[in-house]
Amino acid sequence: MNISKCSEEARKMYETGKGYRDDTLFGEGYHNPQEVMMHEIGELGNLGSIEFWVSQYLHLFSEQEKEMLEGIGECVDAEEFAEKFSNENEFNNFCERLIAKIIDDRNYCVWLCACPEDVKSSYVEPFADNGSEWATEYTGEYIEEFKIPSDAIILDDLGPEGCLWCWKQ
């Protein structure tokens, strides 16, 4: 992983070995990297994840996989990128192969922000701005600090909205 190509927030977490999250906000308990990434791509249409892999992990992919990834920057979302494949299963299998190469034997992932303020500004304030009662009363008392192992990798980088960190647990 080339941390210099990552966001300022990712670099901060990498350097300090710490990240923050509040499981009471979105703590569904999903930590399997393969499942989380397939949800991000398949269900949420998060093309940014695949673009991040290209910027960080292209060296892990075969020539054929690299060819399939050409032009990804011109796609609007994962659904448009998936049109390069003959069917949804082929697209899912392709993504699962790439994820397996990236995560290797790592079996745990978690979205973390660089500081408690980023948790609030990214995941609470947008709801407070819309008048949500829970968000206006949010105190941040459940924000936890996570230790990021030195051998952890990043699967996706959303800057102040957090990074998806992955490690063996």
N, C-alpha and C. Protein backbone atom coordinates (compact mmCIF):
# COMPACT_ATOMS: atom_id res chain seq x y z
N MET A 1 0.85 -1.17 0.00
CA MET A 1 0.00 0.00 0.00
C MET A 1 0.90 1.24 0.00
N ASN A 2 0.57 2.17 -0.84
CA ASN A 2 1.34 3.41 -0.93
C ASN A 2 0.56 4.50 -0.19
N ILE A 3 0.89 4.69 1.08
CA ILE A 3 0.15 5.62 1.93
C ILE A 3 0.24 7.06 1.43
N SER A 4 1.29 7.39 0.70
CA SER A 4 1.43 8.76 0.19
C SER A 4 0.34 9.11 -0.83
N LYS A 5 -0.29 8.09 -1.44
CA LYS A 5 -1.37 8.33 -2.40
C LYS A 5 -2.74 8.41 -1.71
N CYS A 6 -2.75 8.26 -0.40
CA CYS A 6 -4.01 8.27 0.35
C CYS A 6 -4.32 9.67 0.87
N SER A 7 -5.53 9.82 1.39
CA SER A 7 -5.97 11.11 1.92
C SER A 7 -5.16 11.50 3.16
N GLU A 8 -5.24 12.76 3.51
CA GLU A 8 -4.59 13.26 4.72
C GLU A 8 -5.08 12.49 5.95
N GLU A 9 -6.38 12.20 5.98
CA GLU A 9 -6.96 11.48 7.12
C GLU A 9 -6.41 10.06 7.21
N ALA A 10 -6.28 9.39 6.06
CA ALA A 10 -5.72 8.03 6.05
C ALA A 10 -4.28 8.05 6.54
N ARG A 11 -3.52 9.04 6.09
CA ARG A 11 -2.13 9.14 6.52
C ARG A 11 -2.03 9.38 8.03
N LYS A 12 -2.94 10.19 8.55
CA LYS A 12 -2.95 10.45 9.99
C LYS A 12 -3.22 9.16 10.77
N MET A 13 -4.20 8.38 10.33
CA MET A 13 -4.50 7.13 11.02
C MET A 13 -3.33 6.16 10.92
N TYR A 14 -2.71 6.12 9.76
CA TYR A 14 -1.56 5.24 9.55
C TYR A 14 -0.42 5.61 10.49
N GLU A 15 -0.15 6.91 10.60
CA GLU A 15 0.95 7.38 11.43
C GLU A 15 0.69 7.21 12.91
N THR A 16 -0.54 7.45 13.36
CA THR A 16 -0.87 7.35 14.78
C THR A 16 -1.27 5.94 15.20
N GLY A 17 -1.69 5.11 14.22
CA GLY A 17 -2.17 3.78 14.53
C GLY A 17 -3.52 3.79 15.24
N LYS A 18 -4.29 4.88 15.04
CA LYS A 18 -5.58 5.02 15.70
C LYS A 18 -6.66 5.47 14.72
N GLY A 19 -7.88 5.02 14.98
CA GLY A 19 -9.04 5.46 14.23
C GLY A 19 -10.24 5.48 15.16
N TYR A 20 -11.33 6.11 14.72
CA TYR A 20 -12.49 6.31 15.59
C TYR A 20 -13.78 5.96 14.87
N ARG A 21 -14.73 5.43 15.66
CA ARG A 21 -16.06 5.15 15.13
C ARG A 21 -17.04 5.06 16.28
N ASP A 22 -18.31 5.12 15.94
CA ASP A 22 -19.39 4.97 16.91
C ASP A 22 -20.31 3.88 16.39
N ASP A 23 -20.24 2.70 16.99
CA ASP A 23 -21.05 1.57 16.54
C ASP A 23 -22.54 1.77 16.78
N THR A 24 -22.91 2.74 17.62
CA THR A 24 -24.34 2.98 17.82
C THR A 24 -24.95 3.68 16.61
N LEU A 25 -24.13 4.29 15.77
CA LEU A 25 -24.64 4.97 14.58
C LEU A 25 -24.92 3.98 13.46
N PHE A 26 -23.93 3.20 13.09
CA PHE A 26 -24.06 2.26 11.98
C PHE A 26 -23.36 0.96 12.31
N GLY A 27 -23.53 0.46 13.50
CA GLY A 27 -22.80 -0.72 13.92
C GLY A 27 -23.53 -2.02 13.67
N GLU A 28 -23.72 -2.37 12.42
CA GLU A 28 -24.43 -3.60 12.10
C GLU A 28 -23.61 -4.85 12.38
N GLY A 29 -22.34 -4.70 12.71
CA GLY A 29 -21.51 -5.83 13.05
C GLY A 29 -20.90 -6.58 11.88
N TYR A 30 -20.89 -5.99 10.70
CA TYR A 30 -20.29 -6.64 9.54
C TYR A 30 -18.81 -6.31 9.48
N HIS A 31 -17.97 -7.34 9.56
CA HIS A 31 -16.53 -7.12 9.56
C HIS A 31 -15.78 -8.04 8.61
N ASN A 32 -16.49 -8.88 7.88
CA ASN A 32 -15.84 -9.75 6.90
C ASN A 32 -15.49 -8.90 5.67
N PRO A 33 -14.20 -8.77 5.34
CA PRO A 33 -13.81 -7.88 4.24
C PRO A 33 -14.47 -8.21 2.90
N GLN A 34 -14.59 -9.49 2.59
CA GLN A 34 -15.20 -9.89 1.32
C GLN A 34 -16.66 -9.44 1.27
N GLU A 35 -17.39 -9.68 2.33
CA GLU A 35 -18.81 -9.31 2.39
C GLU A 35 -19.01 -7.79 2.40
N VAL A 36 -18.19 -7.10 3.18
CA VAL A 36 -18.33 -5.64 3.26
C VAL A 36 -18.05 -5.01 1.90
N MET A 37 -16.97 -5.45 1.23
CA MET A 37 -16.64 -4.86 -0.06
C MET A 37 -17.69 -5.18 -1.12
N MET A 38 -18.21 -6.40 -1.11
CA MET A 38 -19.25 -6.74 -2.09
C MET A 38 -20.52 -5.93 -1.83
N HIS A 39 -20.81 -5.62 -0.58
CA HIS A 39 -21.94 -4.75 -0.26
C HIS A 39 -21.68 -3.34 -0.79
N GLU A 40 -20.48 -2.83 -0.56
CA GLU A 40 -20.13 -1.48 -1.02
C GLU A 40 -20.27 -1.37 -2.54
N ILE A 41 -19.81 -2.39 -3.24
CA ILE A 41 -19.82 -2.35 -4.70
C ILE A 41 -21.18 -2.75 -5.26
N GLY A 42 -21.67 -3.91 -4.85
CA GLY A 42 -22.90 -4.45 -5.43
C GLY A 42 -24.17 -3.75 -4.98
N GLU A 43 -24.29 -3.52 -3.68
CA GLU A 43 -25.51 -2.92 -3.15
C GLU A 43 -25.50 -1.39 -3.22
N LEU A 44 -24.35 -0.79 -2.91
CA LEU A 44 -24.26 0.67 -2.86
C LEU A 44 -23.73 1.29 -4.15
N GLY A 45 -23.21 0.45 -5.05
CA GLY A 45 -22.69 0.98 -6.32
C GLY A 45 -21.43 1.82 -6.16
N ASN A 46 -20.64 1.53 -5.15
CA ASN A 46 -19.46 2.33 -4.82
C ASN A 46 -18.30 2.00 -5.76
N LEU A 47 -18.21 2.73 -6.83
CA LEU A 47 -17.12 2.55 -7.80
C LEU A 47 -15.80 3.05 -7.23
N GLY A 48 -15.87 3.96 -6.29
CA GLY A 48 -14.66 4.51 -5.69
C GLY A 48 -13.77 3.45 -5.07
N SER A 49 -14.39 2.39 -4.54
CA SER A 49 -13.61 1.30 -3.95
C SER A 49 -12.71 0.68 -5.00
N ILE A 50 -13.27 0.38 -6.16
CA ILE A 50 -12.49 -0.26 -7.22
C ILE A 50 -11.42 0.71 -7.73
N GLU A 51 -11.75 1.97 -7.84
CA GLU A 51 -10.76 2.96 -8.27
C GLU A 51 -9.61 3.04 -7.27
N PHE A 52 -9.95 2.93 -5.98
CA PHE A 52 -8.92 2.95 -4.96
C PHE A 52 -8.00 1.74 -5.11
N TRP A 53 -8.57 0.57 -5.39
CA TRP A 53 -7.75 -0.62 -5.59
C TRP A 53 -6.77 -0.42 -6.74
N VAL A 54 -7.26 0.20 -7.82
CA VAL A 54 -6.39 0.44 -8.99
C VAL A 54 -5.23 1.34 -8.58
N SER A 55 -5.50 2.35 -7.75
CA SER A 55 -4.44 3.27 -7.34
C SER A 55 -3.45 2.64 -6.36
N GLN A 56 -3.88 1.61 -5.65
CA GLN A 56 -3.04 1.04 -4.59
C GLN A 56 -2.52 -0.37 -4.86
N TYR A 57 -3.31 -1.19 -5.52
CA TYR A 57 -3.02 -2.62 -5.56
C TYR A 57 -2.95 -3.22 -6.96
N LEU A 58 -2.80 -2.38 -7.97
CA LEU A 58 -2.78 -2.85 -9.35
C LEU A 58 -1.71 -3.93 -9.56
N HIS A 59 -0.61 -3.82 -8.87
CA HIS A 59 0.50 -4.78 -9.01
C HIS A 59 0.11 -6.21 -8.61
N LEU A 60 -0.98 -6.37 -7.87
CA LEU A 60 -1.42 -7.70 -7.44
C LEU A 60 -2.26 -8.42 -8.49
N PHE A 61 -2.72 -7.68 -9.51
CA PHE A 61 -3.67 -8.22 -10.47
C PHE A 61 -2.98 -8.76 -11.71
N SER A 62 -3.65 -9.75 -12.33
CA SER A 62 -3.14 -10.34 -13.57
C SER A 62 -3.30 -9.33 -14.71
N GLU A 63 -2.63 -9.61 -15.82
CA GLU A 63 -2.76 -8.74 -17.00
C GLU A 63 -4.21 -8.69 -17.48
N GLN A 64 -4.88 -9.82 -17.45
CA GLN A 64 -6.29 -9.86 -17.88
C GLN A 64 -7.16 -9.00 -16.95
N GLU A 65 -6.90 -9.07 -15.65
CA GLU A 65 -7.67 -8.26 -14.70
C GLU A 65 -7.39 -6.78 -14.91
N LYS A 66 -6.13 -6.46 -15.18
CA LYS A 66 -5.76 -5.06 -15.45
C LYS A 66 -6.48 -4.55 -16.68
N GLU A 67 -6.59 -5.38 -17.71
CA GLU A 67 -7.31 -4.99 -18.94
C GLU A 67 -8.78 -4.71 -18.64
N MET A 68 -9.38 -5.55 -17.80
CA MET A 68 -10.78 -5.35 -17.45
C MET A 68 -10.99 -4.04 -16.67
N LEU A 69 -9.97 -3.62 -15.95
CA LEU A 69 -10.07 -2.40 -15.14
C LEU A 69 -9.82 -1.13 -15.94
N GLU A 70 -9.34 -1.27 -17.18
CA GLU A 70 -9.09 -0.09 -18.02
C GLU A 70 -10.39 0.66 -18.24
N GLY A 71 -10.32 1.96 -18.17
CA GLY A 71 -11.49 2.79 -18.42
C GLY A 71 -12.42 2.94 -17.24
N ILE A 72 -12.03 2.41 -16.09
CA ILE A 72 -12.91 2.50 -14.93
C ILE A 72 -13.17 3.96 -14.53
N GLY A 73 -12.18 4.80 -14.71
CA GLY A 73 -12.34 6.21 -14.36
C GLY A 73 -13.39 6.93 -15.18
N GLU A 74 -13.77 6.36 -16.31
CA GLU A 74 -14.78 6.98 -17.17
C GLU A 74 -16.19 6.55 -16.80
N CYS A 75 -16.31 5.56 -15.91
CA CYS A 75 -17.63 5.06 -15.51
C CYS A 75 -18.21 5.93 -14.39
N VAL A 76 -19.51 6.06 -14.39
CA VAL A 76 -20.20 6.87 -13.39
C VAL A 76 -20.34 6.13 -12.07
N ASP A 77 -20.65 4.83 -12.14
CA ASP A 77 -20.83 4.04 -10.92
C ASP A 77 -20.50 2.58 -11.21
N ALA A 78 -20.60 1.75 -10.17
CA ALA A 78 -20.25 0.34 -10.33
C ALA A 78 -21.19 -0.37 -11.30
N GLU A 79 -22.43 0.09 -11.36
CA GLU A 79 -23.39 -0.53 -12.29
C GLU A 79 -22.94 -0.33 -13.74
N GLU A 80 -22.45 0.85 -14.06
CA GLU A 80 -21.95 1.10 -15.42
C GLU A 80 -20.71 0.27 -15.69
N PHE A 81 -19.81 0.17 -14.71
CA PHE A 81 -18.62 -0.66 -14.87
C PHE A 81 -19.00 -2.12 -15.08
N ALA A 82 -20.03 -2.59 -14.38
CA ALA A 82 -20.48 -3.98 -14.47
C ALA A 82 -20.96 -4.34 -15.88
N GLU A 83 -21.36 -3.33 -16.66
CA GLU A 83 -21.83 -3.58 -18.02
C GLU A 83 -20.72 -4.14 -18.92
N LYS A 84 -19.47 -4.03 -18.50
CA LYS A 84 -18.36 -4.60 -19.26
C LYS A 84 -18.38 -6.12 -19.21
N PHE A 85 -19.16 -6.68 -18.29
CA PHE A 85 -19.20 -8.12 -18.08
C PHE A 85 -20.47 -8.70 -18.68
N SER A 86 -20.42 -9.99 -18.99
CA SER A 86 -21.57 -10.60 -19.66
C SER A 86 -22.77 -10.76 -18.75
N ASN A 87 -22.54 -10.86 -17.44
CA ASN A 87 -23.68 -10.95 -16.51
C ASN A 87 -23.21 -10.57 -15.11
N GLU A 88 -24.15 -10.47 -14.20
CA GLU A 88 -23.87 -10.04 -12.84
C GLU A 88 -22.94 -11.01 -12.11
N ASN A 89 -23.13 -12.31 -12.34
CA ASN A 89 -22.26 -13.30 -11.69
C ASN A 89 -20.80 -13.12 -12.10
N GLU A 90 -20.57 -12.87 -13.38
CA GLU A 90 -19.21 -12.67 -13.86
C GLU A 90 -18.58 -11.44 -13.20
N PHE A 91 -19.36 -10.37 -13.09
CA PHE A 91 -18.89 -9.15 -12.43
C PHE A 91 -18.58 -9.42 -10.96
N ASN A 92 -19.48 -10.09 -10.25
CA ASN A 92 -19.27 -10.40 -8.83
C ASN A 92 -18.05 -11.29 -8.63
N ASN A 93 -17.90 -12.30 -9.49
CA ASN A 93 -16.74 -13.18 -9.39
C ASN A 93 -15.43 -12.42 -9.60
N PHE A 94 -15.45 -11.49 -10.55
CA PHE A 94 -14.28 -10.66 -10.83
C PHE A 94 -13.92 -9.84 -9.59
N CYS A 95 -14.90 -9.17 -9.01
CA CYS A 95 -14.66 -8.35 -7.82
C CYS A 95 -14.19 -9.21 -6.65
N GLU A 96 -14.80 -10.35 -6.46
CA GLU A 96 -14.41 -11.25 -5.36
C GLU A 96 -12.96 -11.72 -5.52
N ARG A 97 -12.54 -12.00 -6.77
CA ARG A 97 -11.14 -12.40 -7.02
C ARG A 97 -10.17 -11.27 -6.66
N LEU A 98 -10.52 -10.06 -7.07
CA LEU A 98 -9.65 -8.92 -6.75
C LEU A 98 -9.56 -8.71 -5.24
N ILE A 99 -10.70 -8.77 -4.57
CA ILE A 99 -10.72 -8.59 -3.12
C ILE A 99 -9.85 -9.65 -2.44
N ALA A 100 -9.99 -10.90 -2.87
CA ALA A 100 -9.21 -11.99 -2.27
C ALA A 100 -7.71 -11.74 -2.43
N LYS A 101 -7.30 -11.22 -3.58
CA LYS A 101 -5.88 -10.93 -3.80
C LYS A 101 -5.41 -9.80 -2.89
N ILE A 102 -6.26 -8.81 -2.67
CA ILE A 102 -5.88 -7.67 -1.85
C ILE A 102 -5.82 -8.05 -0.37
N ILE A 103 -6.86 -8.71 0.12
CA ILE A 103 -6.92 -8.97 1.57
C ILE A 103 -6.02 -10.12 1.99
N ASP A 104 -5.68 -11.03 1.08
CA ASP A 104 -4.83 -12.17 1.38
C ASP A 104 -5.44 -12.93 2.57
N ASP A 105 -4.77 -13.00 3.70
CA ASP A 105 -5.32 -13.75 4.83
C ASP A 105 -5.96 -12.84 5.89
N ARG A 106 -6.15 -11.59 5.56
CA ARG A 106 -6.79 -10.66 6.50
C ARG A 106 -8.29 -10.99 6.56
N ASN A 107 -8.85 -10.99 7.75
CA ASN A 107 -10.23 -11.46 7.91
C ASN A 107 -11.14 -10.49 8.65
N TYR A 108 -10.69 -9.26 8.86
CA TYR A 108 -11.48 -8.30 9.64
C TYR A 108 -11.35 -6.93 8.99
N CYS A 109 -12.46 -6.22 8.92
CA CYS A 109 -12.39 -4.84 8.42
C CYS A 109 -13.36 -3.97 9.21
N VAL A 110 -13.05 -2.69 9.22
CA VAL A 110 -13.89 -1.73 9.95
C VAL A 110 -13.66 -0.34 9.36
N TRP A 111 -14.76 0.41 9.22
CA TRP A 111 -14.67 1.79 8.79
C TRP A 111 -14.26 2.65 9.98
N LEU A 112 -13.22 3.46 9.82
CA LEU A 112 -12.73 4.33 10.89
C LEU A 112 -12.50 5.73 10.36
N CYS A 113 -12.72 6.70 11.23
CA CYS A 113 -12.41 8.10 10.92
C CYS A 113 -11.13 8.48 11.65
N ALA A 114 -10.49 9.55 11.19
CA ALA A 114 -9.21 9.97 11.74
C ALA A 114 -9.33 10.62 13.11
N CYS A 115 -10.50 11.17 13.43
CA CYS A 115 -10.68 11.83 14.72
C CYS A 115 -12.17 11.81 15.07
N PRO A 116 -12.49 11.97 16.35
CA PRO A 116 -13.91 11.99 16.75
C PRO A 116 -14.73 13.06 16.04
N GLU A 117 -14.11 14.19 15.75
CA GLU A 117 -14.83 15.27 15.07
C GLU A 117 -15.30 14.84 13.68
N ASP A 118 -14.49 14.01 12.99
CA ASP A 118 -14.89 13.52 11.67
C ASP A 118 -16.08 12.59 11.76
N VAL A 119 -16.17 11.80 12.83
CA VAL A 119 -17.33 10.93 13.03
C VAL A 119 -18.59 11.81 13.12
N LYS A 120 -18.50 12.85 13.93
CA LYS A 120 -19.65 13.75 14.11
C LYS A 120 -20.00 14.49 12.82
N SER A 121 -19.00 15.08 12.18
CA SER A 121 -19.29 15.91 11.00
C SER A 121 -19.76 15.08 9.81
N SER A 122 -19.31 13.83 9.70
CA SER A 122 -19.69 13.00 8.56
C SER A 122 -20.96 12.21 8.78
N TYR A 123 -21.20 11.78 10.03
CA TYR A 123 -22.29 10.83 10.26
C TYR A 123 -23.38 11.31 11.20
N VAL A 124 -23.22 12.50 11.77
CA VAL A 124 -24.26 13.02 12.66
C VAL A 124 -24.79 14.36 12.15
N GLU A 125 -23.90 15.30 11.87
CA GLU A 125 -24.33 16.64 11.48
C GLU A 125 -25.24 16.68 10.26
N PRO A 126 -25.03 15.84 9.24
CA PRO A 126 -25.98 15.88 8.11
C PRO A 126 -27.42 15.57 8.55
N PHE A 127 -27.57 14.69 9.53
CA PHE A 127 -28.91 14.37 10.03
C PHE A 127 -29.44 15.51 10.91
N ALA A 128 -28.56 16.12 11.70
CA ALA A 128 -28.97 17.24 12.54
C ALA A 128 -29.43 18.41 11.68
N ASP A 129 -28.74 18.63 10.57
CA ASP A 129 -29.11 19.71 9.65
C ASP A 129 -30.50 19.49 9.07
N ASN A 130 -30.93 18.24 9.00
CA ASN A 130 -32.27 17.92 8.50
C ASN A 130 -33.30 17.85 9.62
N GLY A 131 -32.90 18.23 10.84
CA GLY A 131 -33.84 18.29 11.95
C GLY A 131 -34.05 16.99 12.68
N SER A 132 -33.23 16.00 12.45
CA SER A 132 -33.38 14.72 13.14
C SER A 132 -33.10 14.90 14.63
N GLU A 133 -34.05 14.50 15.47
CA GLU A 133 -33.94 14.72 16.91
C GLU A 133 -32.74 14.00 17.52
N TRP A 134 -32.54 12.74 17.13
CA TRP A 134 -31.41 12.00 17.71
C TRP A 134 -30.09 12.68 17.41
N ALA A 135 -29.98 13.25 16.22
CA ALA A 135 -28.73 13.87 15.81
C ALA A 135 -28.48 15.18 16.55
N THR A 136 -29.53 15.93 16.81
CA THR A 136 -29.34 17.20 17.53
C THR A 136 -28.98 16.95 19.00
N GLU A 137 -29.35 15.77 19.51
CA GLU A 137 -29.04 15.44 20.91
C GLU A 137 -27.78 14.58 21.04
N TYR A 138 -27.11 14.29 19.95
CA TYR A 138 -25.94 13.41 19.95
C TYR A 138 -24.81 14.02 20.76
N THR A 139 -24.22 13.21 21.65
CA THR A 139 -23.14 13.70 22.51
C THR A 139 -21.77 13.14 22.12
N GLY A 140 -21.75 12.06 21.38
CA GLY A 140 -20.49 11.45 21.00
C GLY A 140 -19.89 10.55 22.07
N GLU A 141 -20.68 10.26 23.10
CA GLU A 141 -20.16 9.47 24.22
C GLU A 141 -19.78 8.04 23.84
N TYR A 142 -20.29 7.55 22.71
CA TYR A 142 -20.00 6.16 22.31
C TYR A 142 -18.93 6.06 21.23
N ILE A 143 -18.30 7.16 20.92
CA ILE A 143 -17.20 7.11 19.96
C ILE A 143 -16.04 6.36 20.61
N GLU A 144 -15.58 5.33 19.92
CA GLU A 144 -14.49 4.50 20.44
C GLU A 144 -13.22 4.71 19.62
N GLU A 145 -12.11 4.57 20.31
CA GLU A 145 -10.82 4.60 19.65
C GLU A 145 -10.42 3.16 19.32
N PHE A 146 -10.00 2.92 18.09
CA PHE A 146 -9.52 1.61 17.65
C PHE A 146 -8.03 1.69 17.41
N LYS A 147 -7.32 0.65 17.80
CA LYS A 147 -5.90 0.54 17.47
C LYS A 147 -5.80 -0.14 16.11
N ILE A 148 -5.10 0.49 15.21
CA ILE A 148 -4.90 -0.06 13.87
C ILE A 148 -3.56 -0.78 13.84
N PRO A 149 -3.56 -2.09 13.60
CA PRO A 149 -2.29 -2.84 13.57
C PRO A 149 -1.36 -2.32 12.47
N SER A 150 -0.08 -2.48 12.69
CA SER A 150 0.91 -1.95 11.74
C SER A 150 0.84 -2.66 10.39
N ASP A 151 0.29 -3.88 10.34
CA ASP A 151 0.20 -4.59 9.06
C ASP A 151 -1.17 -4.44 8.39
N ALA A 152 -2.00 -3.54 8.91
CA ALA A 152 -3.32 -3.30 8.32
C ALA A 152 -3.18 -2.62 6.96
N ILE A 153 -4.17 -2.85 6.12
CA ILE A 153 -4.23 -2.18 4.81
C ILE A 153 -5.54 -1.43 4.71
N ILE A 154 -5.63 -0.54 3.75
CA ILE A 154 -6.86 0.22 3.50
C ILE A 154 -7.53 -0.35 2.26
N LEU A 155 -8.83 -0.62 2.37
CA LEU A 155 -9.61 -1.12 1.23
C LEU A 155 -10.35 0.00 0.51
N ASP A 156 -10.59 1.09 1.21
CA ASP A 156 -11.24 2.25 0.59
C ASP A 156 -10.91 3.47 1.44
N ASP A 157 -10.82 4.62 0.79
CA ASP A 157 -10.43 5.86 1.45
C ASP A 157 -11.41 6.96 1.04
N LEU A 158 -12.20 7.42 2.00
CA LEU A 158 -13.18 8.48 1.74
C LEU A 158 -12.79 9.78 2.44
N GLY A 159 -11.52 9.93 2.76
CA GLY A 159 -11.05 11.15 3.41
C GLY A 159 -11.70 11.34 4.76
N PRO A 160 -12.31 12.51 5.02
CA PRO A 160 -12.89 12.78 6.34
C PRO A 160 -14.06 11.85 6.70
N GLU A 161 -14.64 11.21 5.70
CA GLU A 161 -15.74 10.28 5.97
C GLU A 161 -15.22 8.91 6.40
N GLY A 162 -13.92 8.70 6.36
CA GLY A 162 -13.33 7.49 6.90
C GLY A 162 -12.64 6.61 5.87
N CYS A 163 -11.96 5.62 6.41
CA CYS A 163 -11.27 4.61 5.61
C CYS A 163 -11.74 3.24 6.06
N LEU A 164 -11.80 2.33 5.12
CA LEU A 164 -12.10 0.94 5.44
C LEU A 164 -10.78 0.22 5.64
N TRP A 165 -10.45 -0.03 6.90
CA TRP A 165 -9.20 -0.69 7.28
C TRP A 165 -9.42 -2.19 7.36
N CYS A 166 -8.40 -2.95 7.04
CA CYS A 166 -8.50 -4.41 7.02
C CYS A 166 -7.25 -5.02 7.63
N TRP A 167 -7.45 -6.00 8.50
CA TRP A 167 -6.32 -6.70 9.13
C TRP A 167 -6.72 -8.10 9.54
N LYS A 168 -5.72 -8.89 9.94
CA LYS A 168 -5.99 -10.24 10.42
C LYS A 168 -6.26 -10.17 11.91
N GLN A 169 -7.35 -10.81 12.31
CA GLN A 169 -7.71 -10.78 13.73
C GLN A 169 -7.71 -12.17 14.31
